[in-house]
Amino acid sequence: MNTFGQRLRLLREEKKMVQKEIADLLNVSQSTIGKYENDQRTPSPDAIIKLAVFFKVSTDYLLGHSDIRNPFEVTYPDLTEEAVKEIEAFKEYVRHKYNKS
């Protein structure tokens, strides 16, 4: 599995961001982000959470403990788009039905 630094760089590059932008987000220096990405420093728990929220991934993914970016996001790669829409519509129906008081 990838390291924290490798994951951070990957996520940053996917968003076409530079290190300075991530540094501003965390209120740290650009060189600190470089050290994170080269696994020379470890961010604080608060910074890890902030990054996970920003990139919409789990902290386990960010830390390299899991390859699942967001365990709460359900995907259906083997279904058609129409089938996925039907599942989502049914989920809304059930929510509406059982959330009535």
N, C-alpha and C. Protein backbone atom coordinates (compact mmCIF):
# COMPACT_ATOMS: atom_id res chain seq x y z
N MET A 1 0.84 -1.19 0.00
CA MET A 1 0.00 0.00 0.00
C MET A 1 0.88 1.25 0.00
N ASN A 2 0.32 2.32 -0.45
CA ASN A 2 1.05 3.58 -0.51
C ASN A 2 1.20 4.20 0.86
N THR A 3 2.20 5.06 0.99
CA THR A 3 2.42 5.79 2.24
C THR A 3 1.52 7.02 2.28
N PHE A 4 1.48 7.64 3.45
CA PHE A 4 0.72 8.88 3.58
C PHE A 4 1.19 9.91 2.56
N GLY A 5 2.49 10.08 2.45
CA GLY A 5 3.04 11.07 1.53
C GLY A 5 2.65 10.81 0.09
N GLN A 6 2.71 9.55 -0.32
CA GLN A 6 2.32 9.19 -1.69
C GLN A 6 0.84 9.47 -1.92
N ARG A 7 0.02 9.16 -0.93
CA ARG A 7 -1.43 9.41 -1.06
C ARG A 7 -1.72 10.90 -1.12
N LEU A 8 -1.06 11.67 -0.27
CA LEU A 8 -1.27 13.12 -0.27
C LEU A 8 -0.90 13.72 -1.62
N ARG A 9 0.24 13.33 -2.14
CA ARG A 9 0.66 13.85 -3.45
C ARG A 9 -0.33 13.46 -4.54
N LEU A 10 -0.76 12.20 -4.53
CA LEU A 10 -1.72 11.72 -5.53
C LEU A 10 -3.02 12.53 -5.48
N LEU A 11 -3.56 12.70 -4.28
CA LEU A 11 -4.82 13.44 -4.13
C LEU A 11 -4.65 14.91 -4.55
N ARG A 12 -3.53 15.50 -4.16
CA ARG A 12 -3.27 16.89 -4.53
C ARG A 12 -3.17 17.03 -6.04
N GLU A 13 -2.45 16.15 -6.68
CA GLU A 13 -2.29 16.22 -8.13
C GLU A 13 -3.59 15.94 -8.86
N GLU A 14 -4.41 15.04 -8.33
CA GLU A 14 -5.72 14.77 -8.94
C GLU A 14 -6.58 16.03 -8.97
N LYS A 15 -6.44 16.86 -7.95
CA LYS A 15 -7.19 18.12 -7.89
C LYS A 15 -6.45 19.26 -8.59
N LYS A 16 -5.31 18.93 -9.20
CA LYS A 16 -4.50 19.93 -9.90
C LYS A 16 -4.14 21.10 -8.98
N MET A 17 -3.74 20.75 -7.78
CA MET A 17 -3.35 21.75 -6.80
C MET A 17 -1.83 21.72 -6.62
N VAL A 18 -1.29 22.83 -6.16
CA VAL A 18 0.13 22.91 -5.83
C VAL A 18 0.28 22.82 -4.32
N GLN A 19 1.49 22.53 -3.88
CA GLN A 19 1.75 22.37 -2.45
C GLN A 19 1.35 23.60 -1.66
N LYS A 20 1.54 24.77 -2.22
CA LYS A 20 1.21 26.02 -1.52
C LYS A 20 -0.27 26.07 -1.15
N GLU A 21 -1.13 25.57 -2.03
CA GLU A 21 -2.57 25.59 -1.74
C GLU A 21 -2.91 24.67 -0.56
N ILE A 22 -2.25 23.53 -0.50
CA ILE A 22 -2.48 22.61 0.63
C ILE A 22 -1.90 23.23 1.90
N ALA A 23 -0.74 23.87 1.78
CA ALA A 23 -0.13 24.53 2.92
C ALA A 23 -1.07 25.60 3.49
N ASP A 24 -1.68 26.38 2.61
CA ASP A 24 -2.62 27.42 3.05
C ASP A 24 -3.82 26.80 3.76
N LEU A 25 -4.29 25.68 3.25
CA LEU A 25 -5.43 24.98 3.86
C LEU A 25 -5.12 24.57 5.30
N LEU A 26 -3.88 24.09 5.50
CA LEU A 26 -3.49 23.60 6.82
C LEU A 26 -2.80 24.65 7.67
N ASN A 27 -2.57 25.82 7.07
CA ASN A 27 -1.89 26.90 7.79
C ASN A 27 -0.47 26.48 8.20
N VAL A 28 0.24 25.86 7.24
CA VAL A 28 1.64 25.47 7.45
C VAL A 28 2.43 25.98 6.24
N SER A 29 3.73 25.79 6.26
CA SER A 29 4.57 26.24 5.15
C SER A 29 4.52 25.23 4.00
N GLN A 30 4.88 25.72 2.83
CA GLN A 30 4.93 24.86 1.65
C GLN A 30 5.98 23.75 1.86
N SER A 31 7.09 24.10 2.50
CA SER A 31 8.13 23.09 2.73
C SER A 31 7.63 21.97 3.65
N THR A 32 6.72 22.31 4.55
CA THR A 32 6.13 21.28 5.42
C THR A 32 5.34 20.28 4.58
N ILE A 33 4.59 20.78 3.61
CA ILE A 33 3.84 19.88 2.73
C ILE A 33 4.80 19.00 1.94
N GLY A 34 5.89 19.58 1.48
CA GLY A 34 6.92 18.79 0.79
C GLY A 34 7.45 17.68 1.68
N LYS A 35 7.66 17.98 2.95
CA LYS A 35 8.14 16.96 3.89
C LYS A 35 7.08 15.90 4.14
N TYR A 36 5.81 16.31 4.18
CA TYR A 36 4.74 15.31 4.30
C TYR A 36 4.76 14.37 3.09
N GLU A 37 4.86 14.96 1.91
CA GLU A 37 4.81 14.16 0.69
C GLU A 37 6.03 13.26 0.52
N ASN A 38 7.14 13.64 1.12
CA ASN A 38 8.35 12.80 1.07
C ASN A 38 8.49 11.92 2.31
N ASP A 39 7.43 11.87 3.11
CA ASP A 39 7.39 11.06 4.33
C ASP A 39 8.53 11.38 5.30
N GLN A 40 8.89 12.66 5.34
CA GLN A 40 9.91 13.11 6.28
C GLN A 40 9.30 13.69 7.55
N ARG A 41 8.03 14.03 7.47
CA ARG A 41 7.29 14.54 8.63
C ARG A 41 5.89 13.95 8.62
N THR A 42 5.30 13.88 9.79
CA THR A 42 3.93 13.38 9.92
C THR A 42 3.05 14.52 10.40
N PRO A 43 1.92 14.76 9.73
CA PRO A 43 1.03 15.84 10.17
C PRO A 43 0.32 15.48 11.48
N SER A 44 -0.18 16.50 12.11
CA SER A 44 -0.95 16.30 13.34
C SER A 44 -2.25 15.57 13.03
N PRO A 45 -2.85 14.95 14.03
CA PRO A 45 -4.15 14.30 13.80
C PRO A 45 -5.20 15.28 13.24
N ASP A 46 -5.20 16.52 13.71
CA ASP A 46 -6.14 17.51 13.20
C ASP A 46 -5.92 17.77 11.71
N ALA A 47 -4.66 17.85 11.30
CA ALA A 47 -4.34 18.08 9.89
C ALA A 47 -4.76 16.89 9.04
N ILE A 48 -4.56 15.68 9.55
CA ILE A 48 -4.97 14.48 8.82
C ILE A 48 -6.48 14.48 8.60
N ILE A 49 -7.22 14.82 9.62
CA ILE A 49 -8.68 14.88 9.51
C ILE A 49 -9.10 15.95 8.52
N LYS A 50 -8.48 17.12 8.61
CA LYS A 50 -8.80 18.22 7.70
C LYS A 50 -8.54 17.81 6.25
N LEU A 51 -7.44 17.13 6.00
CA LEU A 51 -7.11 16.66 4.65
C LEU A 51 -8.11 15.61 4.17
N ALA A 52 -8.47 14.69 5.05
CA ALA A 52 -9.43 13.64 4.68
C ALA A 52 -10.78 14.25 4.31
N VAL A 53 -11.22 15.22 5.08
CA VAL A 53 -12.48 15.90 4.78
C VAL A 53 -12.37 16.66 3.46
N PHE A 54 -11.27 17.38 3.29
CA PHE A 54 -11.08 18.17 2.08
C PHE A 54 -11.08 17.29 0.84
N PHE A 55 -10.36 16.18 0.89
CA PHE A 55 -10.25 15.31 -0.28
C PHE A 55 -11.38 14.28 -0.37
N LYS A 56 -12.25 14.27 0.64
CA LYS A 56 -13.40 13.35 0.68
C LYS A 56 -12.95 11.89 0.64
N VAL A 57 -11.97 11.59 1.50
CA VAL A 57 -11.48 10.22 1.64
C VAL A 57 -11.47 9.89 3.13
N SER A 58 -11.34 8.61 3.44
CA SER A 58 -11.24 8.23 4.85
C SER A 58 -9.82 8.48 5.35
N THR A 59 -9.68 8.63 6.64
CA THR A 59 -8.34 8.79 7.21
C THR A 59 -7.54 7.51 7.01
N ASP A 60 -8.19 6.36 7.04
CA ASP A 60 -7.49 5.10 6.79
C ASP A 60 -6.89 5.07 5.39
N TYR A 61 -7.64 5.56 4.41
CA TYR A 61 -7.10 5.63 3.05
C TYR A 61 -5.90 6.59 3.02
N LEU A 62 -6.08 7.75 3.58
CA LEU A 62 -5.03 8.76 3.56
C LEU A 62 -3.75 8.26 4.23
N LEU A 63 -3.90 7.52 5.32
CA LEU A 63 -2.75 7.01 6.06
C LEU A 63 -2.15 5.75 5.45
N GLY A 64 -2.79 5.22 4.41
CA GLY A 64 -2.27 4.04 3.76
C GLY A 64 -2.69 2.73 4.39
N HIS A 65 -3.70 2.77 5.27
CA HIS A 65 -4.17 1.55 5.93
C HIS A 65 -5.23 0.82 5.11
N SER A 66 -5.77 1.47 4.09
CA SER A 66 -6.82 0.90 3.28
C SER A 66 -6.73 1.45 1.86
N ASP A 67 -7.15 0.64 0.90
CA ASP A 67 -7.20 1.12 -0.48
C ASP A 67 -8.58 1.64 -0.84
N ILE A 68 -9.51 1.59 0.10
CA ILE A 68 -10.87 2.08 -0.12
C ILE A 68 -10.89 3.56 0.25
N ARG A 69 -11.13 4.40 -0.75
CA ARG A 69 -11.09 5.85 -0.50
C ARG A 69 -12.16 6.30 0.47
N ASN A 70 -13.37 5.85 0.28
CA ASN A 70 -14.47 6.25 1.16
C ASN A 70 -15.36 5.03 1.38
N PRO A 71 -15.23 4.38 2.53
CA PRO A 71 -15.99 3.15 2.75
C PRO A 71 -17.50 3.37 2.83
N PHE A 72 -17.93 4.61 2.95
CA PHE A 72 -19.36 4.89 3.06
C PHE A 72 -19.99 5.23 1.72
N GLU A 73 -19.16 5.35 0.70
CA GLU A 73 -19.66 5.65 -0.64
C GLU A 73 -19.84 4.32 -1.38
N VAL A 74 -21.06 4.01 -1.71
CA VAL A 74 -21.37 2.75 -2.36
C VAL A 74 -21.33 2.94 -3.87
N THR A 75 -20.62 2.04 -4.53
CA THR A 75 -20.59 2.07 -5.99
C THR A 75 -21.09 0.74 -6.52
N TYR A 76 -21.59 0.75 -7.71
CA TYR A 76 -22.13 -0.44 -8.36
C TYR A 76 -21.50 -0.58 -9.74
N PRO A 77 -20.24 -0.98 -9.81
CA PRO A 77 -19.55 -0.99 -11.10
C PRO A 77 -20.13 -1.98 -12.11
N ASP A 78 -20.83 -2.99 -11.63
CA ASP A 78 -21.36 -4.00 -12.54
C ASP A 78 -22.79 -3.72 -13.00
N LEU A 79 -23.36 -2.58 -12.57
CA LEU A 79 -24.73 -2.25 -12.95
C LEU A 79 -24.77 -1.10 -13.94
N THR A 80 -25.84 -1.07 -14.71
CA THR A 80 -26.01 0.03 -15.65
C THR A 80 -26.40 1.29 -14.89
N GLU A 81 -26.27 2.43 -15.54
CA GLU A 81 -26.65 3.70 -14.93
C GLU A 81 -28.13 3.70 -14.57
N GLU A 82 -28.95 3.11 -15.41
CA GLU A 82 -30.39 3.03 -15.15
C GLU A 82 -30.67 2.22 -13.89
N ALA A 83 -29.97 1.12 -13.71
CA ALA A 83 -30.17 0.28 -12.52
C ALA A 83 -29.75 1.03 -11.26
N VAL A 84 -28.66 1.77 -11.33
CA VAL A 84 -28.19 2.55 -10.17
C VAL A 84 -29.21 3.61 -9.81
N LYS A 85 -29.79 4.28 -10.81
CA LYS A 85 -30.82 5.29 -10.54
C LYS A 85 -32.03 4.65 -9.87
N GLU A 86 -32.39 3.45 -10.28
CA GLU A 86 -33.53 2.76 -9.67
C GLU A 86 -33.23 2.42 -8.21
N ILE A 87 -32.02 2.00 -7.93
CA ILE A 87 -31.62 1.72 -6.54
C ILE A 87 -31.70 2.99 -5.71
N GLU A 88 -31.18 4.09 -6.22
CA GLU A 88 -31.22 5.36 -5.49
C GLU A 88 -32.65 5.82 -5.25
N ALA A 89 -33.53 5.64 -6.23
CA ALA A 89 -34.94 6.01 -6.08
C ALA A 89 -35.59 5.16 -5.00
N PHE A 90 -35.27 3.88 -4.97
CA PHE A 90 -35.83 3.00 -3.95
C PHE A 90 -35.33 3.40 -2.56
N LYS A 91 -34.06 3.75 -2.45
CA LYS A 91 -33.52 4.19 -1.17
C LYS A 91 -34.26 5.44 -0.68
N GLU A 92 -34.54 6.37 -1.57
CA GLU A 92 -35.29 7.58 -1.19
C GLU A 92 -36.70 7.23 -0.75
N TYR A 93 -37.33 6.30 -1.44
CA TYR A 93 -38.68 5.84 -1.08
C TYR A 93 -38.67 5.28 0.34
N VAL A 94 -37.71 4.42 0.65
CA VAL A 94 -37.63 3.80 1.97
C VAL A 94 -37.35 4.86 3.03
N ARG A 95 -36.44 5.80 2.76
CA ARG A 95 -36.18 6.88 3.71
C ARG A 95 -37.45 7.67 4.02
N HIS A 96 -38.16 8.02 2.96
CA HIS A 96 -39.37 8.79 3.12
C HIS A 96 -40.43 7.99 3.91
N LYS A 97 -40.57 6.75 3.59
CA LYS A 97 -41.57 5.90 4.23
C LYS A 97 -41.32 5.76 5.73
N TYR A 98 -40.08 5.55 6.13
CA TYR A 98 -39.78 5.26 7.52
C TYR A 98 -39.36 6.46 8.35
N ASN A 99 -39.22 7.60 7.73
CA ASN A 99 -38.87 8.81 8.49
C ASN A 99 -40.09 9.63 8.87
N LYS A 100 -41.27 9.15 8.51
CA LYS A 100 -42.49 9.84 8.92
C LYS A 100 -42.75 9.60 10.39
N SER A 101 -43.17 10.65 11.07
CA SER A 101 -43.46 10.50 12.51
C SER A 101 -44.92 10.76 12.78
